[in-house]
Amino acid sequence: MSMIRDLRAAVRPALRRGHTPHEYDRYDTTRDPSASSAIVDCAVYREGKRVSDHITPSEAMARVRAEGGFAWIGMHEPTEHEFAGIAKEFGLHPLAVEDAVHAHQRPKLERYDDTLFTVFKTIHYVEHAELTATSEVVETGEVMCFTGRDFIVTVRHGGQGSLRALRHRLQDDPELLAKGPSAVLHAIADQVVDGYIAVADAVQDDIDEVEIDVFSSGPSGGAARGGDAGRIYQLKREVLEFKRAVSPLLRPMQLLSERPMRLVDPDIQKYFRDVADHLARVTEQVVSFDELLNSILQANLAQATVAQNEDMRKITAWAAIIAVPTMICGVYGMNFDHMPETHWRYGYPTVMTAIVAICCVMHRSFKRNGWL
């Protein structure tokens, strides 16, 4: 129990902005050369220790049934043909097998006979020097887990989310790993949710940056004329993708933490509550991101509208000023014989002086009222 209390420390690496827990091994897809091309690793664990290497899934299950323990088979983007043997060996349900092969599933928890099928969406923050209207902010992948009484099969899709480092950390904690497949399932859930927390912090920085740019430009600034709308909308789309990965997972984590299950060790089940709590906090944070971006977008559009209104007022004021000489010159351009002051020596200077005086008065009036 003392080791179980240190569960989170055993499976959670240090987090820092832009680097999720699976960041450092995201490209590690080394596979067992003696097994199917989709199998990353296959091993048998007994009393928390790895007791076999370089064996096939059939050999692993044979040893488990004969000697006890459990088998952990890790796969990366298997085809239907590659997964068919695994599905037959472990008696996996066809519907779950189809989901695992074709991916693009919502996070969920389903029970098929004596197997739990869990889908996690992994999130990776994409580093960028500057946020633009086309920047990719988050990148998603998937991890599916088939958890049985004496086995766990993990299927990973996408270029990130490798479980190799997690496997090594668990192997360094035999007392925890002795709890069986449910300990592995919890460790995976914990790593995925820790990744959400790190990505949420990084996305928060991007939102803060956009918010500062929008409100520091002022109502007459260039950025306020709609230049930030594209960046805000792109960030909103990325947050929506983040939300789709996080929100549906909350209910499965609550079920794992609250409902007794034969396939989940009672000592491990307690720690799913902690995962569910962290996930609820991230869910609230992502929802607040969406609402904040809506407010920022509305503020940006309002500033653009104010700037356009100011432009229209200036244009209207100048048009009114220019209308005075246009109208007077238009009247005198009609070439009538009996026009006021046309034969007076000082008629032309008088008219020009009157035009300038009227325009100056109008300009001063518009300036005082804030139109110019």
Protein backbone atom coordinates (compact mmCIF):
# COMPACT_ATOMS: atom_id res chain seq x y z
CA MET A 1 0.00 0.00 0.00
CA SER A 2 2.86 2.36 0.64
CA MET A 3 3.93 1.95 -2.96
CA ILE A 4 0.39 2.46 -4.18
CA ARG A 5 0.28 5.78 -2.38
CA ASP A 6 3.20 6.81 -4.56
CA LEU A 7 1.35 5.81 -7.72
CA ARG A 8 1.17 9.25 -9.22
CA ALA A 9 4.84 9.89 -8.62
CA ALA A 10 5.66 6.62 -10.35
CA VAL A 11 3.74 7.36 -13.54
CA ARG A 12 3.91 11.14 -13.83
CA PRO A 13 7.03 12.72 -15.31
CA ALA A 14 7.92 16.37 -14.99
CA LEU A 15 5.70 18.61 -17.07
CA ARG A 16 6.73 21.76 -18.80
CA ARG A 17 5.17 23.97 -21.39
CA GLY A 18 4.85 22.34 -24.76
CA HIS A 19 6.16 18.97 -23.59
CA THR A 20 3.53 16.45 -22.60
CA PRO A 21 4.49 13.32 -20.65
CA HIS A 22 4.73 11.34 -23.86
CA GLU A 23 6.69 14.03 -25.71
CA TYR A 24 10.11 12.53 -25.16
CA ASP A 25 9.23 9.14 -26.65
CA ARG A 26 6.62 10.18 -29.18
CA TYR A 27 8.63 8.93 -32.14
CA ASP A 28 9.74 5.68 -30.48
CA THR A 29 7.99 3.00 -32.52
CA THR A 30 10.63 0.29 -32.19
CA ARG A 31 9.00 -3.07 -32.75
CA ASP A 32 9.77 -6.60 -31.76
CA PRO A 33 11.43 -8.12 -34.86
CA SER A 34 10.21 -11.60 -33.97
CA ALA A 35 6.54 -10.58 -33.90
CA SER A 36 3.97 -9.01 -36.17
CA SER A 37 5.04 -5.72 -37.74
CA ALA A 38 2.39 -3.87 -35.72
CA ILE A 39 3.53 -5.20 -32.33
CA VAL A 40 5.70 -2.75 -30.43
CA ASP A 41 6.26 -4.96 -27.40
CA CYS A 42 4.92 -8.19 -25.93
CA ALA A 43 5.78 -9.38 -22.43
CA VAL A 44 4.56 -11.42 -19.50
CA TYR A 45 4.56 -9.96 -15.98
CA ARG A 46 4.41 -12.04 -12.84
CA GLU A 47 4.42 -10.53 -9.35
CA GLY A 48 5.23 -7.16 -10.93
CA LYS A 49 8.31 -8.35 -12.77
CA ARG A 50 8.89 -8.92 -16.47
CA VAL A 51 9.61 -12.61 -16.94
CA SER A 52 9.76 -12.98 -20.73
CA ASP A 53 11.08 -11.20 -23.80
CA HIS A 54 10.70 -11.65 -27.55
CA ILE A 55 7.69 -13.93 -27.46
CA THR A 56 4.53 -14.00 -29.51
CA PRO A 57 1.12 -13.13 -28.05
CA SER A 58 0.13 -16.81 -28.24
CA GLU A 59 3.23 -17.84 -26.31
CA ALA A 60 2.61 -15.04 -23.78
CA MET A 61 -0.95 -16.18 -23.09
CA ALA A 62 0.15 -19.81 -22.87
CA ARG A 63 2.66 -18.89 -20.17
CA VAL A 64 0.11 -16.74 -18.34
CA ARG A 65 -2.47 -19.52 -18.27
CA ALA A 66 0.11 -22.05 -17.17
CA GLU A 67 2.11 -20.02 -14.66
CA GLY A 68 -0.04 -16.98 -13.78
CA GLY A 69 0.60 -13.27 -14.15
CA PHE A 70 -0.62 -11.18 -17.06
CA ALA A 71 0.42 -10.31 -20.60
CA TRP A 72 0.85 -6.79 -21.98
CA ILE A 73 0.84 -6.49 -25.76
CA GLY A 74 1.48 -3.06 -27.27
CA MET A 75 0.57 -2.36 -30.91
CA HIS A 76 0.90 0.62 -33.23
CA GLU A 77 -1.65 1.17 -36.02
CA PRO A 78 -2.36 -2.50 -36.79
CA THR A 79 -4.22 -3.56 -39.92
CA GLU A 80 -7.23 -5.85 -39.81
CA HIS A 81 -5.03 -8.78 -40.84
CA GLU A 82 -2.38 -8.00 -38.22
CA PHE A 83 -4.98 -7.64 -35.47
CA ALA A 84 -7.05 -10.68 -36.41
CA GLY A 85 -4.75 -13.13 -34.60
CA ILE A 86 -4.66 -10.98 -31.46
CA ALA A 87 -8.45 -10.65 -31.46
CA LYS A 88 -8.88 -14.41 -31.77
CA GLU A 89 -6.28 -15.22 -29.12
CA PHE A 90 -7.82 -12.92 -26.51
CA GLY A 91 -11.45 -13.33 -27.54
CA LEU A 92 -11.99 -9.65 -28.29
CA HIS A 93 -15.41 -8.50 -29.44
CA PRO A 94 -15.65 -7.75 -33.21
CA LEU A 95 -17.15 -4.29 -32.64
CA ALA A 96 -14.29 -3.28 -30.35
CA VAL A 97 -11.77 -4.77 -32.79
CA GLU A 98 -13.25 -2.71 -35.62
CA ASP A 99 -12.97 0.46 -33.51
CA ALA A 100 -9.37 -0.33 -32.59
CA VAL A 101 -8.29 -0.92 -36.19
CA HIS A 102 -10.05 2.01 -37.85
CA ALA A 103 -9.57 4.51 -34.96
CA HIS A 104 -11.16 8.00 -35.07
CA GLN A 105 -13.30 7.12 -32.05
CA ARG A 106 -14.66 9.27 -29.26
CA PRO A 107 -13.21 8.63 -25.80
CA LYS A 108 -15.33 5.94 -24.20
CA LEU A 109 -15.52 2.93 -21.90
CA GLU A 110 -17.37 -0.21 -23.00
CA ARG A 111 -17.64 -3.64 -21.50
CA TYR A 112 -17.69 -6.75 -23.68
CA ASP A 113 -18.12 -9.95 -21.65
CA ASP A 114 -14.93 -10.13 -19.53
CA THR A 115 -13.08 -7.33 -21.33
CA LEU A 116 -13.08 -3.58 -20.82
CA PHE A 117 -12.54 -1.53 -23.97
CA THR A 118 -11.30 2.00 -23.30
CA VAL A 119 -10.53 4.73 -25.82
CA PHE A 120 -8.30 7.68 -24.94
CA LYS A 121 -7.55 10.69 -27.13
CA THR A 122 -3.95 11.83 -26.77
CA ILE A 123 -3.14 15.51 -27.25
CA HIS A 124 0.22 16.99 -28.27
CA TYR A 125 0.93 20.72 -28.28
CA VAL A 126 2.52 21.86 -31.54
CA GLU A 127 5.24 24.41 -30.92
CA HIS A 128 5.13 27.51 -33.15
CA ALA A 129 7.21 30.67 -33.23
CA GLU A 130 4.16 32.82 -33.91
CA LEU A 131 0.46 32.05 -33.89
CA THR A 132 -1.07 32.67 -37.31
CA ALA A 133 -4.43 32.09 -38.96
CA THR A 134 -3.17 28.70 -40.20
CA SER A 135 -1.14 27.55 -37.18
CA GLU A 136 -1.74 24.03 -35.90
CA VAL A 137 -1.93 24.27 -32.13
CA VAL A 138 -2.87 20.75 -31.02
CA GLU A 139 -2.29 17.36 -32.61
CA THR A 140 -4.39 14.38 -31.60
CA GLY A 141 -3.83 10.64 -31.49
CA GLU A 142 -5.55 7.67 -29.89
CA VAL A 143 -4.76 4.90 -27.44
CA MET A 144 -7.19 1.97 -27.14
CA CYS A 145 -6.95 -0.48 -24.26
CA PHE A 146 -8.43 -3.97 -24.06
CA THR A 147 -8.27 -4.90 -20.38
CA GLY A 148 -8.96 -8.46 -19.29
CA ARG A 149 -8.40 -10.52 -16.17
CA ASP A 150 -4.92 -11.60 -17.23
CA PHE A 151 -4.03 -9.40 -20.18
CA ILE A 152 -4.02 -5.86 -21.51
CA VAL A 153 -3.71 -5.02 -25.20
CA THR A 154 -2.89 -1.40 -26.07
CA VAL A 155 -3.39 -0.08 -29.60
CA ARG A 156 -1.89 3.29 -30.45
CA HIS A 157 -2.74 5.49 -33.43
CA GLY A 158 -0.87 8.64 -34.40
CA GLY A 159 2.72 9.81 -34.24
CA GLN A 160 2.68 10.64 -30.52
CA GLY A 161 1.58 8.96 -27.34
CA SER A 162 4.18 6.19 -27.16
CA LEU A 163 3.83 4.03 -24.04
CA ARG A 164 7.38 2.70 -24.02
CA ALA A 165 8.65 5.12 -21.34
CA LEU A 166 5.52 4.44 -19.28
CA ARG A 167 6.18 0.69 -19.52
CA HIS A 168 9.74 1.20 -18.23
CA ARG A 169 8.52 3.34 -15.31
CA LEU A 170 5.99 0.71 -14.34
CA GLN A 171 8.60 -2.02 -14.53
CA ASP A 172 10.65 -0.03 -12.04
CA ASP A 173 7.74 -0.32 -9.58
CA PRO A 174 7.03 -4.07 -9.19
CA GLU A 175 4.61 -3.62 -6.28
CA LEU A 176 2.40 -1.41 -8.41
CA LEU A 177 2.65 -3.59 -11.50
CA ALA A 178 1.71 -6.63 -9.38
CA LYS A 179 -1.81 -5.16 -9.17
CA GLY A 180 -2.36 -6.45 -12.68
CA PRO A 181 -3.76 -5.02 -15.94
CA SER A 182 -5.86 -2.41 -14.14
CA ALA A 183 -2.65 -0.79 -12.86
CA VAL A 184 -1.49 -0.39 -16.46
CA LEU A 185 -4.89 1.00 -17.46
CA HIS A 186 -4.70 3.59 -14.68
CA ALA A 187 -1.14 4.54 -15.58
CA ILE A 188 -2.18 5.13 -19.20
CA ALA A 189 -5.20 7.21 -18.14
CA ASP A 190 -3.04 9.22 -15.75
CA GLN A 191 -0.43 9.93 -18.43
CA VAL A 192 -3.06 10.97 -20.95
CA VAL A 193 -4.72 13.37 -18.50
CA ASP A 194 -1.34 14.77 -17.44
CA GLY A 195 -0.78 15.48 -21.12
CA TYR A 196 -4.06 17.40 -21.20
CA ILE A 197 -2.91 19.55 -18.29
CA ALA A 198 0.37 20.43 -19.99
CA VAL A 199 -1.35 21.25 -23.28
CA ALA A 200 -3.98 23.35 -21.49
CA ASP A 201 -1.23 25.46 -19.91
CA ALA A 202 0.40 25.99 -23.31
CA VAL A 203 -2.91 26.90 -24.98
CA GLN A 204 -3.56 29.35 -22.13
CA ASP A 205 -0.34 31.15 -23.09
CA ASP A 206 -1.52 31.41 -26.71
CA ILE A 207 -4.88 32.80 -25.63
CA ASP A 208 -3.19 35.34 -23.34
CA GLU A 209 -0.99 36.44 -26.22
CA VAL A 210 -3.96 36.94 -28.54
CA GLU A 211 -5.88 38.76 -25.83
CA ILE A 212 -3.00 41.16 -25.21
CA ASP A 213 -2.63 41.83 -28.95
CA VAL A 214 -6.32 42.60 -29.34
CA PHE A 215 -6.74 44.92 -26.37
CA SER A 216 -3.36 46.63 -26.55
CA SER A 217 -3.97 47.80 -30.13
CA GLY A 218 -6.86 50.06 -29.12
CA PRO A 219 -9.96 50.86 -31.16
CA SER A 220 -7.99 52.68 -33.86
CA GLY A 221 -5.05 50.24 -34.09
CA GLY A 222 -4.31 48.25 -37.21
CA ALA A 223 -4.82 44.88 -35.53
CA ALA A 224 -8.23 45.95 -34.29
CA ARG A 225 -9.52 46.27 -37.85
CA GLY A 226 -10.04 42.50 -38.04
CA GLY A 227 -6.44 41.37 -38.49
CA ASP A 228 -6.61 39.19 -35.38
CA ALA A 229 -9.94 37.57 -36.27
CA GLY A 230 -8.27 34.84 -38.32
CA ARG A 231 -5.88 33.93 -35.50
CA ILE A 232 -8.68 33.91 -32.94
CA TYR A 233 -10.89 31.73 -35.10
CA GLN A 234 -8.06 29.26 -35.77
CA LEU A 235 -7.27 29.07 -32.06
CA LYS A 236 -10.96 28.53 -31.36
CA ARG A 237 -11.03 25.60 -33.79
CA GLU A 238 -8.00 24.04 -32.11
CA VAL A 239 -9.61 24.49 -28.69
CA LEU A 240 -12.75 22.80 -30.04
CA GLU A 241 -10.63 19.82 -31.11
CA PHE A 242 -9.10 19.78 -27.63
CA LYS A 243 -12.58 19.88 -26.10
CA ARG A 244 -13.72 16.92 -28.19
CA ALA A 245 -10.85 14.87 -26.80
CA VAL A 246 -11.31 15.85 -23.16
CA SER A 247 -15.03 16.18 -22.45
CA PRO A 248 -16.27 12.69 -23.47
CA LEU A 249 -13.60 11.03 -21.31
CA LEU A 250 -14.98 12.43 -18.05
CA ARG A 251 -17.87 9.98 -17.77
CA PRO A 252 -15.69 6.85 -18.37
CA MET A 253 -13.23 8.00 -15.70
CA GLN A 254 -16.08 8.57 -13.26
CA LEU A 255 -17.39 5.07 -13.94
CA LEU A 256 -13.95 3.55 -13.36
CA SER A 257 -13.62 5.45 -10.09
CA GLU A 258 -17.14 4.95 -8.72
CA ARG A 259 -18.55 1.66 -10.00
CA PRO A 260 -17.01 -1.58 -8.67
CA MET A 261 -15.65 -3.71 -11.51
CA ARG A 262 -14.26 -7.21 -11.37
CA LEU A 263 -11.48 -6.31 -13.79
CA VAL A 264 -10.26 -3.31 -11.75
CA ASP A 265 -8.31 -3.85 -8.54
CA PRO A 266 -10.02 -2.02 -5.62
CA ASP A 267 -6.73 -0.38 -4.61
CA ILE A 268 -6.28 0.93 -8.15
CA GLN A 269 -9.88 2.06 -8.47
CA LYS A 270 -9.37 4.63 -5.73
CA TYR A 271 -6.78 6.37 -7.87
CA PHE A 272 -9.09 6.69 -10.83
CA ARG A 273 -10.88 9.29 -8.68
CA ASP A 274 -7.77 11.44 -8.80
CA VAL A 275 -7.60 11.07 -12.59
CA ALA A 276 -11.30 11.97 -12.86
CA ASP A 277 -10.74 15.03 -10.66
CA HIS A 278 -7.85 16.27 -12.79
CA LEU A 279 -9.85 15.59 -15.94
CA ALA A 280 -12.83 17.56 -14.60
CA ARG A 281 -10.52 20.52 -13.94
CA VAL A 282 -9.10 20.36 -17.46
CA THR A 283 -12.61 20.09 -18.90
CA GLU A 284 -13.69 23.23 -17.08
CA GLN A 285 -10.54 24.98 -18.25
CA VAL A 286 -11.14 24.05 -21.90
CA VAL A 287 -14.76 25.20 -21.69
CA SER A 288 -13.57 28.51 -20.26
CA PHE A 289 -11.09 28.77 -23.15
CA ASP A 290 -13.96 28.51 -25.62
CA GLU A 291 -16.00 31.16 -23.82
CA LEU A 292 -13.00 33.47 -23.47
CA LEU A 293 -12.18 33.17 -27.17
CA ASN A 294 -15.80 34.03 -27.99
CA SER A 295 -15.45 37.18 -25.89
CA ILE A 296 -12.11 38.08 -27.46
CA LEU A 297 -13.51 37.54 -30.97
CA GLN A 298 -16.53 39.72 -30.21
CA ALA A 299 -14.28 42.41 -28.74
CA ASN A 300 -12.05 42.26 -31.82
CA LEU A 301 -15.03 42.60 -34.15
CA ALA A 302 -16.43 45.43 -32.03
CA GLN A 303 -13.10 47.26 -32.23
CA ALA A 304 -13.05 46.74 -35.99
CA THR A 305 -16.58 48.16 -36.20
CA VAL A 306 -15.58 51.18 -34.10
CA ALA A 307 -12.56 51.77 -36.32
CA GLN A 308 -14.72 51.55 -39.44
CA ASN A 309 -17.21 53.99 -37.93
CA GLU A 310 -14.39 56.42 -37.22
CA ASP A 311 -13.22 56.09 -40.80
CA MET A 312 -16.74 56.75 -42.08
CA ARG A 313 -17.08 59.84 -39.88
CA LYS A 314 -13.78 61.21 -41.21
CA ILE A 315 -14.80 60.48 -44.79
CA THR A 316 -18.20 62.11 -44.22
CA ALA A 317 -16.61 65.19 -42.62
CA TRP A 318 -14.16 65.69 -45.47
CA ALA A 319 -16.93 65.10 -48.00
CA ALA A 320 -19.01 67.82 -46.33
CA ILE A 321 -16.08 70.25 -46.39
CA ILE A 322 -15.28 69.53 -50.04
CA ALA A 323 -18.97 69.91 -50.93
CA VAL A 324 -18.81 73.66 -50.15
CA PRO A 325 -16.30 74.70 -52.87
CA THR A 326 -17.79 72.10 -55.21
CA MET A 327 -21.24 73.61 -54.91
CA ILE A 328 -20.09 77.23 -55.20
CA CYS A 329 -17.77 76.52 -58.14
CA GLY A 330 -20.55 74.51 -59.75
CA VAL A 331 -22.92 77.44 -59.56
CA TYR A 332 -20.41 79.84 -61.08
CA GLY A 333 -19.60 77.33 -63.78
CA MET A 334 -23.08 77.64 -65.27
CA ASN A 335 -22.00 80.70 -67.32
CA PHE A 336 -25.17 82.74 -66.73
CA ASP A 337 -24.96 86.44 -67.66
CA HIS A 338 -26.46 87.71 -64.42
CA MET A 339 -24.34 86.02 -61.74
CA PRO A 340 -23.60 87.74 -58.39
CA GLU A 341 -20.36 89.73 -58.40
CA THR A 342 -19.19 88.41 -61.82
CA HIS A 343 -18.38 91.89 -63.09
CA TRP A 344 -17.06 93.22 -59.80
CA ARG A 345 -13.30 93.69 -59.59
CA TYR A 346 -13.04 92.00 -56.20
CA GLY A 347 -15.68 89.34 -56.87
CA TYR A 348 -13.26 86.43 -57.44
CA PRO A 349 -11.10 87.09 -54.32
CA THR A 350 -14.26 87.57 -52.28
CA VAL A 351 -15.77 84.23 -53.35
CA MET A 352 -12.50 82.35 -52.78
CA THR A 353 -12.13 83.94 -49.34
CA ALA A 354 -15.70 82.95 -48.48
CA ILE A 355 -15.04 79.34 -49.59
CA VAL A 356 -11.88 79.08 -47.47
CA ALA A 357 -13.60 80.68 -44.46
CA ILE A 358 -16.58 78.32 -44.63
CA CYS A 359 -14.30 75.28 -45.03
CA CYS A 360 -12.16 76.38 -42.06
CA VAL A 361 -15.23 76.83 -39.85
CA MET A 362 -16.57 73.40 -40.82
CA HIS A 363 -13.15 71.75 -40.27
CA ARG A 364 -12.87 73.34 -36.82
CA SER A 365 -16.40 72.22 -35.94
CA PHE A 366 -15.76 68.60 -37.04
CA LYS A 367 -12.43 68.61 -35.18
CA ARG A 368 -14.06 69.82 -31.98
CA ASN A 369 -16.71 67.08 -32.22
CA GLY A 370 -14.15 64.34 -32.77
CA TRP A 371 -14.97 63.61 -36.38
CA LEU A 372 -11.51 64.55 -37.62
